[in-house]
Protein backbone atom coordinates (compact mmCIF):
# COMPACT_ATOMS: atom_id res chain seq x y z
CA THR A 1 59.14 -62.28 9.18
CA PHE A 2 57.55 -64.86 11.43
CA ASP A 3 56.79 -68.56 11.27
CA LEU A 4 53.28 -69.99 11.44
CA LYS A 5 52.52 -73.47 12.67
CA PRO A 6 50.71 -75.61 10.04
CA ASN A 7 47.42 -75.64 12.01
CA THR A 8 47.48 -71.87 12.46
CA PHE A 9 48.17 -71.38 8.75
CA ARG A 10 45.23 -73.63 7.83
CA LEU A 11 42.89 -71.68 10.12
CA LEU A 12 43.95 -68.38 8.59
CA LEU A 13 43.60 -69.77 5.10
CA ASN A 14 40.13 -71.18 5.85
CA SER A 15 38.99 -67.85 7.35
CA TYR A 16 40.23 -65.97 4.29
CA CYS A 17 38.42 -68.42 1.97
CA VAL A 18 35.16 -67.97 3.90
CA PHE A 19 35.56 -64.20 3.64
CA LEU A 20 36.02 -64.40 -0.13
CA GLN A 21 33.01 -66.70 -0.47
CA GLN A 22 30.85 -64.24 1.47
CA GLU A 23 31.99 -61.38 -0.76
CA VAL A 24 31.13 -63.39 -3.88
CA ALA A 25 27.74 -64.34 -2.40
CA LEU A 26 26.96 -60.70 -1.58
CA LYS A 27 27.75 -59.61 -5.15
CA ALA A 28 25.72 -62.46 -6.67
CA LEU A 29 22.66 -62.32 -4.37
CA GLY A 30 22.56 -58.75 -3.13
CA THR A 31 21.96 -57.86 0.51
CA GLU A 32 18.35 -59.09 0.68
CA GLY A 33 19.16 -62.29 -1.19
CA LEU A 34 22.10 -62.98 1.11
CA PHE A 35 19.87 -62.28 4.11
CA LEU A 36 17.35 -64.90 2.97
CA PHE A 37 20.14 -67.35 2.14
CA SER A 38 21.77 -66.85 5.56
CA SER A 39 18.47 -67.41 7.37
CA LEU A 40 18.22 -70.84 5.71
CA ASP A 41 21.92 -71.74 5.98
CA THR A 42 21.70 -72.99 9.57
CA ASP A 43 25.20 -74.51 9.67
CA HIS A 44 26.76 -71.41 8.00
CA ASP A 45 28.69 -73.42 5.42
CA LEU A 46 27.47 -71.23 2.52
CA TYR A 47 25.73 -74.25 1.03
CA LEU A 48 22.03 -75.16 1.27
CA SER A 49 21.52 -78.83 1.95
CA PRO A 50 18.20 -80.47 0.96
CA GLU A 51 17.11 -80.22 4.62
CA GLU A 52 17.94 -76.50 4.76
CA PHE A 53 16.14 -75.85 1.45
CA LYS A 54 13.01 -77.68 2.62
CA PRO A 55 11.17 -74.54 3.93
CA ILE A 56 11.50 -72.83 0.53
CA ALA A 57 10.46 -75.98 -1.35
CA GLU A 58 7.37 -76.33 0.84
CA LYS A 59 6.47 -72.67 0.31
CA LEU A 60 6.89 -72.90 -3.48
CA THR A 61 4.96 -76.18 -3.85
CA GLY A 62 2.44 -75.62 -1.07
CA ILE A 63 3.09 -79.18 0.08
CA SER A 64 4.18 -79.83 3.65
CA PRO A 65 5.15 -83.43 4.41
CA PRO A 66 3.89 -84.87 7.69
CA ALA A 67 6.20 -84.19 10.60
CA ASP A 68 8.60 -87.00 11.37
CA PHE A 69 9.86 -85.98 14.78
CA GLU A 70 11.87 -88.07 17.16
CA GLU A 71 9.86 -88.93 20.27
CA GLU A 72 10.79 -90.37 23.63
CA VAL A 73 7.45 -92.14 24.11
CA THR A 74 5.96 -94.91 22.02
CA HIS A 75 2.23 -94.25 21.85
CA ASP A 76 -0.16 -96.96 22.91
CA PRO A 77 -2.79 -97.21 20.13
CA ASN A 78 -5.23 -98.52 22.74
CA GLY A 79 -4.37 -95.84 25.27
CA GLU A 80 -6.42 -92.87 26.38
CA THR A 81 -6.73 -89.65 24.40
CA LEU A 82 -7.79 -86.12 25.27
CA THR A 83 -8.81 -83.11 23.24
CA LEU A 84 -7.27 -79.69 23.73
CA GLU A 85 -9.08 -76.54 22.63
CA ALA A 86 -7.23 -73.32 21.76
CA LYS A 87 -8.62 -69.86 22.46
CA MET A 88 -7.06 -66.55 21.53
CA GLN A 89 -7.85 -62.86 21.37
CA PRO A 90 -5.38 -60.95 19.15
CA LEU A 91 -2.92 -58.42 20.49
CA GLN A 92 -4.49 -55.02 21.12
CA LEU A 93 -2.58 -52.80 18.69
CA ASP A 94 -3.49 -49.63 20.59
CA THR A 95 -1.43 -50.85 23.57
CA MET A 96 1.77 -50.72 21.51
CA THR A 97 4.01 -47.69 22.03
CA LYS A 98 4.19 -47.14 18.26
CA SER A 99 0.41 -46.72 18.12
CA LYS A 100 0.66 -43.35 19.91
CA ASP A 101 1.99 -41.71 16.74
CA GLY A 102 -0.08 -43.84 14.34
CA PHE A 103 2.77 -46.29 13.70
CA LEU A 104 4.71 -43.52 11.98
CA GLY A 105 7.74 -44.94 10.21
CA VAL A 106 6.60 -48.56 10.62
CA THR A 107 6.22 -50.26 7.25
CA HIS A 108 3.02 -52.15 6.52
CA SER A 109 4.96 -55.33 5.72
CA SER A 110 6.62 -55.30 9.14
CA LEU A 111 3.31 -55.74 10.93
CA SER A 112 1.61 -57.92 8.30
CA GLY A 113 2.04 -61.14 10.27
CA LEU A 114 0.84 -59.50 13.48
CA ARG A 115 -2.22 -57.89 11.90
CA SER A 116 -3.30 -61.10 10.16
CA TRP A 117 -2.95 -63.30 13.27
CA GLN A 118 -6.49 -63.13 14.61
CA SER A 119 -7.24 -66.68 15.77
CA PRO A 120 -5.53 -69.97 16.69
CA ALA A 121 -3.98 -71.93 13.84
CA VAL A 122 -5.57 -75.15 15.16
CA PRO A 123 -8.70 -74.60 17.29
CA SER A 124 -8.88 -78.22 18.49
CA MET A 125 -6.48 -81.17 18.53
CA SER A 126 -6.43 -84.68 20.01
CA PHE A 127 -3.43 -85.98 21.93
CA SER A 128 -2.49 -89.32 23.38
CA ALA A 129 -2.30 -89.23 27.18
CA SER A 130 1.09 -90.94 26.99
CA GLN A 131 2.52 -87.91 25.13
CA PHE A 132 2.26 -85.94 28.36
CA ARG A 133 4.85 -88.23 29.94
CA ALA A 134 7.20 -85.39 28.96
CA PHE A 135 5.96 -83.50 32.03
CA LEU A 136 6.71 -86.30 34.51
CA PRO A 137 9.64 -85.64 36.87
CA PRO A 138 12.97 -87.44 36.61
CA LYS A 139 13.71 -90.18 39.17
CA ASN A 140 15.60 -87.82 41.49
CA LYS A 141 12.73 -85.27 41.62
CA GLY A 142 9.79 -86.92 43.33
CA GLU A 143 8.95 -84.64 46.25
CA VAL A 144 6.31 -81.92 46.33
CA GLY A 145 8.03 -78.60 45.58
CA ASP A 146 10.81 -80.16 43.50
CA THR A 147 11.59 -78.36 40.22
CA TRP A 148 13.38 -79.60 37.12
CA TRP A 149 14.10 -78.61 33.53
CA VAL A 150 11.76 -80.21 31.00
CA ILE A 151 13.60 -78.38 28.22
CA PRO A 152 16.91 -77.03 29.55
CA SER A 153 18.26 -73.65 28.53
CA GLU A 154 21.18 -73.86 26.10
CA LEU A 155 22.24 -70.23 26.47
CA ASN A 156 25.46 -69.49 28.30
CA ILE A 157 28.33 -67.01 28.35
CA PHE A 158 29.87 -68.59 25.26
CA THR A 159 26.79 -68.93 23.04
CA GLY A 160 25.48 -65.35 23.26
CA TYR A 161 22.07 -64.82 21.68
CA LEU A 162 20.45 -67.01 19.07
CA PRO A 163 20.16 -65.38 15.61
CA ASN A 164 17.37 -62.95 14.76
CA ASN A 165 17.31 -63.57 11.00
CA ARG A 166 15.34 -66.84 11.05
CA TYR A 167 11.89 -67.76 9.82
CA HIS A 168 11.50 -71.48 10.52
CA PRO A 169 12.12 -73.26 13.82
CA PRO A 170 14.46 -76.24 14.00
CA ALA A 171 12.88 -79.68 14.17
CA PRO A 172 12.03 -80.53 17.80
CA ARG A 173 13.49 -83.60 19.45
CA GLY A 174 12.50 -85.67 22.47
CA LYS A 175 10.45 -83.73 25.01
CA GLU A 176 10.54 -80.69 22.73
CA VAL A 177 8.04 -82.44 20.43
CA LEU A 178 5.12 -82.08 22.82
CA ILE A 179 5.82 -78.40 23.63
CA HIS A 180 6.19 -77.66 19.91
CA SER A 181 2.88 -79.42 19.16
CA LEU A 182 1.07 -77.49 21.89
CA LEU A 183 2.33 -74.06 20.81
CA SER A 184 1.72 -74.90 17.13
CA MET A 185 -1.99 -74.80 17.93
CA PHE A 186 -1.61 -71.01 18.25
CA HIS A 187 0.75 -70.35 15.32
CA PRO A 188 2.58 -72.63 12.84
CA ARG A 189 6.05 -71.24 13.66
CA PRO A 190 6.78 -71.53 17.38
CA PHE A 191 10.40 -71.38 18.54
CA ILE A 192 10.40 -73.36 21.78
CA LYS A 193 13.90 -72.09 22.56
CA SER A 194 13.79 -68.31 22.68
CA ARG A 195 16.65 -66.20 21.35
CA PHE A 196 17.40 -64.60 24.70
CA ALA A 197 17.30 -65.73 28.30
CA PRO A 198 15.19 -66.93 29.95
CA GLN A 199 14.94 -69.97 27.71
CA GLY A 200 13.39 -73.41 28.12
CA THR A 201 10.68 -75.10 30.18
CA VAL A 202 10.66 -75.74 33.94
CA ALA A 203 8.16 -77.84 35.93
CA CYS A 204 7.34 -78.24 39.63
CA ILE A 205 5.34 -80.83 41.59
CA ARG A 206 2.55 -78.88 43.28
CA ALA A 207 0.66 -81.82 44.77
CA ALA A 208 0.96 -85.59 44.98
CA SER A 209 -1.16 -88.62 45.82
CA ASP A 210 -0.46 -92.34 45.56
CA PHE A 211 -1.48 -92.39 41.90
CA TYR A 212 -1.54 -88.77 40.65
CA LEU A 213 0.66 -85.69 40.38
CA ASP A 214 -0.34 -82.06 39.91
CA ILE A 215 2.50 -80.45 37.99
CA VAL A 216 2.75 -76.74 37.23
CA PHE A 217 5.05 -75.55 34.46
CA ARG A 218 6.42 -72.40 32.87
CA ILE A 219 7.59 -72.06 29.28
CA HIS A 220 9.66 -69.31 27.66
CA ALA A 221 9.20 -69.49 23.90
CA GLU A 222 8.31 -67.18 21.01
CA PHE A 223 6.72 -67.08 17.58
CA GLN A 224 7.98 -65.89 14.21
CA LEU A 225 5.02 -64.13 12.62
CA ASN A 226 6.49 -63.07 9.26
CA ASP A 227 7.64 -65.14 6.33
CA VAL A 228 9.72 -64.31 3.28
CA PRO A 229 9.92 -61.84 1.62
CA ASP A 230 9.08 -59.77 4.74
CA PHE A 231 11.74 -59.32 7.40
CA PRO A 232 11.39 -61.35 10.63
CA PHE A 233 8.92 -60.28 13.31
CA TRP A 234 9.38 -61.89 16.74
CA PHE A 235 6.41 -62.20 19.10
CA THR A 236 7.52 -63.10 22.62
CA PRO A 237 4.92 -63.48 25.41
CA GLY A 238 6.20 -62.77 28.90
CA GLN A 239 5.69 -66.46 29.67
CA PHE A 240 3.42 -69.43 29.13
CA THR A 241 2.28 -71.16 32.30
CA GLY A 242 -0.19 -73.86 33.25
CA ASN A 243 -0.67 -77.15 35.04
CA ILE A 244 -1.37 -80.79 34.34
CA ILE A 245 -2.87 -83.42 36.62
CA LEU A 246 -1.87 -86.88 35.40
CA SER A 247 -1.32 -90.40 36.65
CA ARG A 248 2.21 -91.36 37.63
CA ASP A 249 2.42 -93.72 34.63
CA SER A 250 0.94 -91.04 32.28
CA SER A 251 -1.84 -93.39 31.18
CA HIS A 252 -4.48 -90.85 32.26
CA VAL A 253 -4.63 -87.05 32.17
CA ARG A 254 -7.26 -85.57 34.45
CA GLN A 255 -6.72 -81.89 33.66
CA PHE A 256 -4.54 -79.69 31.45
CA THR A 257 -4.29 -75.94 30.92
CA LEU A 258 -1.70 -73.65 29.34
CA TYR A 259 -1.98 -69.87 28.99
CA VAL A 260 -0.23 -66.52 28.74
CA PRO A 261 -0.85 -64.57 31.99
CA ASN A 262 -2.86 -61.41 31.33
CA ALA A 263 -3.13 -59.80 34.77
CA ARG A 264 -0.68 -56.98 34.00
CA THR A 265 -1.26 -54.17 31.51
CA LEU A 266 1.51 -55.38 29.13
CA ASN A 267 2.54 -58.98 28.56
CA VAL A 268 4.17 -59.35 25.11
CA ASP A 269 7.50 -58.18 23.70
CA MET A 270 7.80 -57.64 19.92
CA GLU A 271 10.89 -57.12 17.78
CA TRP A 272 11.23 -56.77 14.04
CA LEU A 273 14.17 -56.26 11.71
CA TYR A 274 14.65 -53.38 9.27
CA GLY A 275 17.34 -54.74 7.01
CA ALA A 276 18.87 -57.76 5.39
CA THR A 277 21.58 -58.75 7.87
CA GLU A 278 21.81 -59.98 11.44
CA ASN A 279 23.17 -56.58 12.48
CA SER A 280 20.34 -54.62 10.82
CA ASN A 281 18.35 -52.10 12.82
CA MET A 282 15.67 -53.62 14.99
CA GLU A 283 12.47 -52.03 16.25
CA VAL A 284 11.22 -53.02 19.70
CA ASP A 285 7.77 -52.62 21.20
CA ILE A 286 5.50 -54.06 23.86
CA GLY A 287 1.77 -54.70 23.98
CA TYR A 288 -1.13 -56.47 25.63
CA LEU A 289 -2.51 -59.87 24.62
CA PRO A 290 -5.92 -60.44 26.26
CA GLN A 291 -6.06 -64.21 25.78
CA MET A 292 -3.95 -67.12 24.58
CA GLU A 293 -4.77 -70.44 26.20
CA LEU A 294 -5.16 -74.19 25.75
CA GLN A 295 -7.71 -76.07 27.81
CA ALA A 296 -8.54 -79.76 27.93
CA ALA A 297 -12.15 -80.40 26.94
CA GLY A 298 -12.24 -83.04 29.68
CA PRO A 299 -10.18 -85.86 31.19
CA SER A 300 -8.53 -88.33 28.86
CA THR A 301 -10.63 -91.38 28.01
CA PRO A 302 -10.09 -94.68 26.19
CA SER A 303 -11.44 -94.82 22.64
CA PHE A 304 -12.63 -98.39 23.08
CA ILE A 305 -13.73 -100.33 26.14
CA GLN A 306 -14.98 -103.85 26.82
CA ASP A 307 -18.37 -104.63 28.32
CA GLU A 308 -18.97 -107.36 30.87
CA GLU A 309 -19.22 -109.95 28.11
CA GLY A 310 -15.94 -108.93 26.49
CA ASN A 311 -17.50 -107.06 23.59
CA ILE A 312 -15.54 -104.04 22.34
CA ILE A 313 -17.53 -100.81 22.52
CA ASP A 314 -16.69 -97.48 20.88
CA SER A 315 -16.73 -95.12 23.88
CA ARG A 316 -17.43 -92.15 21.61
CA GLY A 317 -20.84 -93.50 20.65
CA GLY A 318 -20.52 -94.67 17.06
CA GLY A 319 -24.20 -94.06 16.31
CA SER A 320 -25.46 -94.47 19.87
CA ASP A 321 -25.03 -92.33 22.95
CA PRO A 322 -21.40 -91.95 24.02
CA VAL A 323 -20.24 -93.77 27.14
CA GLN A 324 -20.38 -91.62 30.29
CA PHE A 325 -17.23 -92.04 32.38
CA VAL A 326 -17.14 -91.50 36.12
CA PHE A 327 -13.80 -90.45 37.60
CA GLU A 328 -12.71 -90.99 41.18
CA ASP A 329 -11.92 -88.02 43.37
CA ILE A 330 -8.24 -87.28 43.91
CA HIS A 331 -7.13 -86.80 47.52
CA TRP A 332 -3.73 -85.13 47.72
CA THR A 333 -1.46 -86.51 50.45
CA SER A 334 0.98 -83.62 50.11
CA GLU A 335 0.71 -80.22 48.42
CA ILE A 336 1.87 -76.61 48.28
CA SER A 337 -0.04 -73.55 47.13
CA ARG A 338 -0.12 -72.43 43.51
CA GLU A 339 1.63 -69.21 44.55
CA GLU A 340 4.49 -71.16 46.14
CA SER A 341 4.89 -73.46 43.13
CA ALA A 342 4.88 -70.46 40.78
CA HIS A 343 7.57 -68.81 42.92
CA ARG A 344 9.74 -71.94 42.74
CA LEU A 345 9.46 -71.96 38.96
CA GLU A 346 10.44 -68.30 38.88
CA VAL A 347 13.48 -68.86 41.12
CA THR A 348 14.64 -71.72 38.88
CA PHE A 349 14.61 -69.36 35.90
CA TYR A 350 15.86 -66.35 37.87
CA PRO A 351 17.97 -67.28 40.93
CA PHE A 352 17.99 -63.62 41.98
CA LYS A 353 14.26 -63.96 42.63
CA LYS A 354 15.17 -65.55 45.98
CA VAL A 355 15.08 -61.89 46.98
CA SER A 356 11.54 -60.59 47.53
CA TYR A 357 10.31 -58.06 44.95
CA LEU A 358 7.68 -55.72 46.39
CA PRO A 359 5.07 -53.46 44.76
CA PHE A 360 6.35 -49.94 44.09
CA SER A 361 4.74 -48.13 47.04
CA GLU A 362 5.34 -50.98 49.48
CA ALA A 363 9.02 -51.10 48.52
CA PHE A 364 9.55 -47.46 49.55
CA GLN A 365 7.67 -47.97 52.80
CA ARG A 366 9.95 -50.91 53.62
CA ALA A 367 13.02 -48.90 52.61
CA GLN A 368 12.09 -46.09 55.00
CA GLU A 369 11.59 -48.58 57.81
CA GLU A 370 14.89 -50.34 57.17
CA SER A 371 16.91 -47.34 55.87
CA GLU A 372 17.94 -49.14 52.71
CA THR A 373 18.07 -48.05 49.09
CA VAL A 374 15.44 -49.20 46.63
CA HIS A 375 16.55 -51.24 43.66
CA LEU A 376 14.11 -51.38 40.78
CA SER A 377 14.93 -54.56 38.90
CA PRO A 378 17.09 -57.51 39.53
CA VAL A 379 23.56 -61.06 43.37
CA LEU A 380 21.76 -62.29 46.15
CA ALA A 381 24.06 -61.36 49.05
CA LEU A 382 24.36 -57.79 47.85
CA LEU A 383 20.64 -57.38 47.26
CA ASN A 384 19.68 -58.91 50.59
CA GLN A 385 22.18 -56.81 52.48
CA SER A 386 21.58 -53.34 51.07
CA PHE A 387 18.46 -53.17 48.90
CA VAL A 388 14.70 -53.41 48.91
CA SER A 389 13.76 -54.67 45.45
CA SER A 390 10.79 -53.83 43.24
CA TRP A 391 9.75 -53.66 39.61
CA SER A 392 6.92 -51.82 37.88
CA LEU A 393 5.45 -51.25 34.44
CA VAL A 394 5.58 -47.69 33.10
CA LYS A 395 1.79 -47.73 32.73
CA GLU A 396 1.42 -48.49 36.44
CA LEU A 397 3.65 -45.57 37.38
CA GLU A 398 1.75 -43.27 35.03
CA ASP A 399 -1.47 -44.21 36.80
CA MET A 400 0.08 -43.10 40.12
CA GLN A 401 -0.19 -39.44 39.14
CA VAL A 402 -0.12 -38.08 42.69
CA SER A 403 3.07 -39.92 43.61
CA GLU A 404 6.20 -37.78 43.63
CA ARG A 405 8.33 -40.94 43.71
CA ALA A 406 6.61 -42.25 40.56
CA ARG A 407 7.24 -38.91 38.82
CA LEU A 408 10.95 -39.01 39.71
CA HIS A 409 11.29 -42.49 38.25
CA LEU A 410 9.40 -41.67 35.06
CA GLU A 411 11.75 -38.71 34.49
CA LYS A 412 14.72 -41.11 34.39
CA TYR A 413 12.97 -43.78 32.34
CA ASN A 414 14.04 -44.58 28.77
CA PHE A 415 12.48 -47.25 26.57
CA PRO A 416 12.33 -50.23 26.92
CA VAL A 417 13.58 -50.97 30.47
CA GLU A 418 15.44 -48.82 32.97
CA MET A 419 17.11 -50.25 36.08
CA MET A 420 17.36 -47.72 38.90
CA VAL A 421 18.72 -47.32 42.40
CA ALA A 422 16.78 -44.85 44.54
CA LEU A 423 16.86 -43.50 48.08
CA PRO A 424 13.84 -44.11 50.35
CA ASN A 425 12.55 -40.63 49.46
CA GLY A 426 12.47 -41.52 45.74
CA THR A 427 15.65 -39.69 44.66
CA ILE A 428 17.33 -41.59 41.81
CA VAL A 429 21.05 -41.96 42.48
CA HIS A 430 21.96 -44.39 39.70
CA HIS A 431 20.33 -45.95 36.64
CA ILE A 432 21.18 -47.96 33.54
CA ASN A 433 19.15 -48.71 30.41
CA ALA A 434 18.52 -52.33 29.44
CA ASN A 435 19.83 -51.76 25.90
CA TYR A 436 23.19 -50.54 27.23
CA PHE A 437 23.24 -53.35 29.78
CA LEU A 438 22.61 -55.95 27.04
CA ASP A 439 25.31 -54.41 24.85
CA GLN A 440 27.77 -54.87 27.71
CA THR A 441 26.67 -58.38 28.63
CA SER A 442 26.23 -59.79 25.13
CA MET A 443 29.93 -59.58 24.33
CA LYS A 444 31.71 -62.90 24.26
CA PRO A 445 34.87 -63.43 26.34
CA GLU A 446 37.22 -63.08 23.38
CA GLU A 447 35.99 -59.59 22.51
CA GLU A 448 38.21 -56.79 23.76
CA ALA A 449 35.57 -54.79 25.60
CA ALA A 450 33.84 -57.79 27.14
CA THR A 451 32.95 -57.47 30.82
CA PHE A 452 34.17 -60.94 31.66
CA SER A 453 36.48 -62.12 34.37
CA PHE A 454 37.71 -65.32 35.97
CA SER A 455 38.93 -63.37 39.01
CA GLY A 456 36.96 -63.91 42.20
CA GLY A 457 35.09 -66.86 40.70
CA PHE A 458 33.55 -67.71 37.36
CA GLU A 459 31.39 -64.69 36.58
CA ASP A 460 29.47 -64.30 33.36
CA PRO A 461 29.22 -60.82 31.81
CA SER A 462 25.70 -60.12 33.07
CA THR A 463 26.60 -60.99 36.67
CA ALA A 464 29.79 -58.92 36.61
CA THR A 465 28.04 -55.93 35.03
CA TYR A 466 25.14 -56.18 37.44
CA ILE A 467 27.34 -56.34 40.53
CA ASN A 468 29.24 -53.28 39.32
CA PHE A 469 25.95 -51.44 38.78
CA LEU A 470 24.76 -52.22 42.31
CA LYS A 471 28.08 -51.25 43.91
CA GLU A 472 28.17 -47.98 42.00
CA GLY A 473 24.62 -47.30 43.17
CA LEU A 474 25.60 -47.83 46.81
CA GLU A 475 28.58 -45.50 46.50
CA LYS A 476 26.48 -42.78 44.89
CA ALA A 477 23.83 -43.22 47.59
CA LYS A 478 26.47 -42.73 50.30
CA GLU A 479 27.79 -39.61 48.56
CA HIS A 480 24.29 -38.16 48.29
CA LEU A 481 23.43 -38.87 51.94
CA ALA A 482 26.74 -37.34 53.07
CA GLN A 483 25.89 -33.97 51.49
């Protein structure tokens, strides 16, 4: 026998009650019904509040109430407005890996949301210039080159991933409202906080003048393309990036653009569930999205102006010719290149990017010159000391048909991502698949097999696993060279 403290007994009793409730719910609803219920039960109390039931009510009635989001900025009704236009070319299905066998084994319902998404949800929308105050830097970030989090990441070693079995994004708050509104022009269900890292929005001052700032930004977000009764389908672009030129008081926006980069042969990750629980099998694929962008039709302008006699004039015309505005040139007093600002954004998301990542062929040339091993995918001290780093798409390696090094790497590759350590001659001495890596790093500290340690500093599972991978690669390289 043993004695339990009252608090411990209550915790055990509560856990047992939750278990019984889940068993009853499974018998009453079935697996698919419980899956739908769980996707709506955001606080996991096995009870649907009116707020949680709202998505189903809206779907059944076809009535969606106007959004009532919390905002940081009070809009000036007399302030300037600008119009954003959305352009999109749908994902090219033949770039997906599954297309090579005719989507064998992929149910029609799984891809229904993807196939039907052919154009932007909202081709054009007007915004108040003051809404873009969300992109202005905080008081301690006023120098060119400074970066800051517009929407900070909430993922850490204790949270793990965000759930897969969701259909409707949570209501945005504060600065999230603007990002949500922008991405909603493409699709009605944007999740501005992605399930996996990287997550959030980062901005950087690229150029500054006395009155204006040129701010570049990078967003990691995703869309949920399916709705009930189909299982979730996640559409995750590699990134959204863009820039905004606005006055320091956000009363005027000179330029705005947001887009998904399309320079590489693949730029979107897709995942869809096959089952009714969070742990159900998930299919993964990648593809190419030719175009997804927002562009300002022109600088922001006031809706009404006063003439020399104090009469109010509708600047949009109102039956006569619209007023033609002339804008002063902006002369930057300090600036950095777009490439440098993009690199600073990348380093903020990925600190390991302080290490240079070279194109495939150039990496091996550098490795031969410096007699270092080549590491093909992302800490810093170890990488700088012993590795030349690179990363490549499979398609790019396949196009390098005459390269023996490319062939050696393709032989070791397994879908979706393979991290490898190679000698300067291309010999692979160590590799690890991203799925196995994620399995190791997704465990929370309390789980028995978790790769988590407080020894030698506060290391999260991904850092600890990654360091071990690199060290093992170095040891295997030494063994190979000693033969």
